[in-house]
Every structure is written in C-alpha cells, then in structure tokens.
Amino acid sequence: MIKKKKPPRAKSKDHSCESHKKPGLVENLLKVLESKGFRRSKKREVVLRYLAQVSRPVSVEDILVGLSRPKIDRVSLYRMLSAFQAEELLFAHDFGDRIKRFELSGNGHHHHHIICRKCRRVDRLPDCSFGDLQSSPRQYGYTALSHSLEFFGVCAICTQV
C-alpha cells in the first residue's frame, strides 16, 4: 500500500512579532468574531491558529498548503479572509507582485515591511513612526484612516552573492 505524502508546511522567515505569540490571541480573536455575530467554527479557528503561528504575511496558497486538517476549499478561505479583514482582524499586503498576503493585526500592532527584490524575503520593521503624518488627512475631514508603506531593496544575503 502506497501512502501519499502530505504537502510540506510553509516555512516562515526569521522575524517574529511578539503580539502573534501572546497566549490567548486566537481565543480573543474568536471572541471578537462571536461578538460580531459569527458562529465559532473549527475551520475559522484553524485558519486563525495558522496565521498566529507564522511570523510573516502569507498568501492564500501558503495557507492552503500549511493547513493539514480540516481541509478548506479556496473559495471558502477567500470568503473567510475577506470577513476577517472587514472585521479588522487581518492586514492585507501586496508587495508589488500582485499576490495578496495576510497577517493578523494582533493587538493593533501596526508595522511595515521591507522586501528583497531578488529573493522576495520579507522582513518586518519594528514599528511605525508615521502616526503624526495622519493628522494631515484629518485636516481634510477624513476619518478611520490607515496607511501602508513597504520598502524594497536587496537583502544582505543577496548582496553577498
């Protein structure tokens, strides 16, 4: 009898964020969803746990490969991620390659990324210092502001090659 191999789990780059590693983060996010009328489901919990364990923004493809059980179809996953994003549980990123990547918003921890143009490595920058800059759009009457800023360069490893 031939056994099928399971697909490998997506590997993360080495740059963690402590807000994703806090105990109870997934449970808190599930409670937020319940308070907004979402039913608690095993699939939602599994996706949130996967997103909490990876330390980088991941694509839908990464999530599908990284999950072992229960299996989630692509359409359901897109709907789930869209709902999580609408409830501000996720940040969505596009690093210039037209692939949407997702990461948990954590406890409101906002940060930016730097992406290597050669190997596509993604590193998380420690924090955001653009808070004061958001006062300018407020002068025009804008509210519920957010921003996204990504840096692109060549990482130290690729520079040495």
Protein backbone atom coordinates (compact mmCIF):
# COMPACT_ATOMS: atom_id res chain seq x y z
CA MET A 1 0.00 0.00 0.00
CA ILE A 2 1.39 3.37 -1.04
CA LYS A 3 0.82 6.28 1.31
CA LYS A 4 0.56 9.79 -0.08
CA LYS A 5 2.94 12.33 1.34
CA LYS A 6 1.45 15.38 2.98
CA PRO A 7 2.47 18.68 1.41
CA PRO A 8 5.19 20.48 3.37
CA ARG A 9 4.15 23.25 5.71
CA ALA A 10 5.02 26.75 4.63
CA LYS A 11 8.24 27.89 6.27
CA SER A 12 8.49 31.31 7.76
CA LYS A 13 11.38 33.72 7.52
CA ASP A 14 13.08 34.53 10.78
CA HIS A 15 11.38 37.68 12.01
CA SER A 16 8.81 37.26 14.68
CA CYS A 17 6.37 39.65 16.24
CA GLU A 18 5.61 39.15 19.91
CA SER A 19 1.95 40.15 19.54
CA HIS A 20 1.35 36.99 17.49
CA LYS A 21 2.93 34.78 20.14
CA LYS A 22 0.92 36.01 23.12
CA PRO A 23 -1.13 33.25 24.71
CA GLY A 24 -4.82 33.64 24.12
CA LEU A 25 -4.55 35.72 20.94
CA VAL A 26 -6.57 33.25 18.86
CA GLU A 27 -9.13 32.84 21.61
CA ASN A 28 -9.53 36.63 21.82
CA LEU A 29 -9.97 36.88 18.05
CA LEU A 30 -12.61 34.13 18.12
CA LYS A 31 -14.47 36.02 20.86
CA VAL A 32 -14.35 39.18 18.73
CA LEU A 33 -15.87 37.26 15.82
CA GLU A 34 -18.58 35.76 18.07
CA SER A 35 -19.43 39.23 19.40
CA LYS A 36 -19.95 40.37 15.81
CA GLY A 37 -22.36 37.55 15.01
CA PHE A 38 -20.02 34.93 13.53
CA ARG A 39 -20.50 31.30 14.54
CA ARG A 40 -17.49 29.64 16.10
CA SER A 41 -16.20 27.01 13.68
CA LYS A 42 -13.27 24.64 13.60
CA LYS A 43 -12.21 25.99 10.19
CA ARG A 44 -12.11 29.60 11.39
CA GLU A 45 -10.15 28.54 14.45
CA VAL A 46 -7.65 26.53 12.39
CA VAL A 47 -7.04 29.43 9.98
CA LEU A 48 -6.56 31.90 12.86
CA ARG A 49 -4.16 29.49 14.61
CA TYR A 50 -2.14 29.08 11.42
CA LEU A 51 -1.95 32.86 10.93
CA ALA A 52 -0.91 33.28 14.58
CA GLN A 53 1.92 30.74 14.26
CA VAL A 54 3.53 32.14 11.10
CA SER A 55 5.71 35.19 11.52
CA ARG A 56 5.22 36.70 8.08
CA PRO A 57 2.41 37.72 5.76
CA VAL A 58 1.15 34.64 3.89
CA SER A 59 -0.77 34.11 0.67
CA VAL A 60 -3.90 32.03 0.22
CA GLU A 61 -1.68 29.38 -1.38
CA ASP A 62 0.62 29.36 1.70
CA ILE A 63 -2.40 28.90 3.97
CA LEU A 64 -3.86 26.06 1.89
CA VAL A 65 -0.50 24.24 1.89
CA GLY A 66 0.13 24.94 5.58
CA LEU A 67 -3.18 23.63 6.89
CA SER A 68 -3.44 19.91 7.50
CA ARG A 69 -6.97 19.44 8.86
CA PRO A 70 -9.72 20.30 8.26
CA LYS A 71 -9.35 20.88 4.54
CA ILE A 72 -10.74 24.21 3.40
CA ASP A 73 -11.65 24.92 -0.19
CA ARG A 74 -10.15 28.00 -1.84
CA VAL A 75 -13.46 29.90 -2.18
CA SER A 76 -14.35 29.40 1.49
CA LEU A 77 -10.88 30.54 2.51
CA TYR A 78 -11.15 33.71 0.42
CA ARG A 79 -14.55 34.47 1.99
CA MET A 80 -13.18 33.81 5.47
CA LEU A 81 -10.13 36.05 4.95
CA SER A 82 -12.33 38.77 3.47
CA ALA A 83 -14.60 38.64 6.54
CA PHE A 84 -11.59 38.71 8.89
CA GLN A 85 -10.24 41.71 7.00
CA ALA A 86 -13.60 43.51 7.14
CA GLU A 87 -13.62 42.98 10.92
CA GLU A 88 -10.04 44.37 11.05
CA LEU A 89 -8.54 41.13 12.35
CA LEU A 90 -6.17 40.97 9.38
CA PHE A 91 -3.92 43.26 7.42
CA ALA A 92 -3.67 42.54 3.70
CA HIS A 93 -0.47 43.36 1.81
CA ASP A 94 0.58 43.46 -1.83
CA PHE A 95 4.35 43.53 -2.18
CA GLY A 96 4.34 44.52 -5.84
CA ASP A 97 3.95 41.00 -7.22
CA ARG A 98 0.13 41.04 -7.39
CA ILE A 99 -0.14 38.37 -4.68
CA LYS A 100 -2.26 39.36 -1.70
CA ARG A 101 -0.73 38.31 1.61
CA PHE A 102 -2.40 38.32 5.01
CA GLU A 103 -1.24 38.64 8.59
CA LEU A 104 -3.07 39.03 11.86
CA SER A 105 -3.48 42.56 13.06
CA GLY A 106 -2.63 41.31 16.55
CA ASN A 107 -3.30 43.80 19.30
CA GLY A 108 -3.34 46.79 17.00
CA HIS A 109 0.39 46.42 16.39
CA HIS A 110 0.98 48.32 13.17
CA HIS A 111 4.26 47.88 11.32
CA HIS A 112 5.80 47.95 7.86
CA HIS A 113 7.90 45.55 5.81
CA ILE A 114 11.00 45.52 3.68
CA ILE A 115 11.07 43.12 0.72
CA CYS A 116 14.17 41.85 -1.09
CA ARG A 117 13.88 42.45 -4.82
CA LYS A 118 15.95 39.35 -5.58
CA CYS A 119 14.87 36.54 -3.24
CA ARG A 120 11.50 38.08 -2.15
CA ARG A 121 12.42 37.71 1.54
CA VAL A 122 10.08 39.76 3.73
CA ASP A 123 11.31 41.32 6.96
CA ARG A 124 9.16 43.14 9.44
CA LEU A 125 10.26 46.59 10.55
CA PRO A 126 9.90 47.10 14.31
CA ASP A 127 7.18 49.74 14.38
CA CYS A 128 5.55 52.63 12.61
CA SER A 129 6.60 56.21 13.22
CA PHE A 130 4.15 57.81 10.80
CA GLY A 131 1.34 58.42 13.31
CA ASP A 132 1.82 62.20 13.26
CA LEU A 133 1.63 62.20 9.48
CA GLN A 134 -2.00 61.05 9.69
CA SER A 135 -3.03 64.41 11.13
CA SER A 136 -2.69 65.95 7.66
CA PRO A 137 -5.55 63.95 6.05
CA ARG A 138 -7.70 64.68 9.11
CA GLN A 139 -7.48 68.37 8.21
CA TYR A 140 -9.44 67.49 5.07
CA GLY A 141 -12.17 65.78 7.09
CA TYR A 142 -11.03 62.17 6.59
CA THR A 143 -11.66 59.67 9.40
CA ALA A 144 -10.95 55.96 10.01
CA LEU A 145 -7.50 56.46 8.50
CA SER A 146 -5.00 53.75 7.77
CA HIS A 147 -1.85 53.58 5.70
CA SER A 148 0.51 51.10 4.14
CA LEU A 149 4.18 51.57 3.44
CA GLU A 150 6.52 48.93 2.11
CA PHE A 151 10.23 49.25 1.42
CA PHE A 152 12.02 47.35 -1.35
CA GLY A 153 15.74 46.67 -1.51
CA VAL A 154 18.33 43.90 -1.74
CA CYS A 155 18.93 41.89 1.45
CA ALA A 156 22.38 41.29 2.91
CA ILE A 157 22.42 37.65 1.76
CA CYS A 158 21.64 38.56 -1.87
CA THR A 159 24.18 41.40 -1.78
CA GLN A 160 26.93 38.90 -0.91
CA VAL A 161 26.02 36.51 -3.73
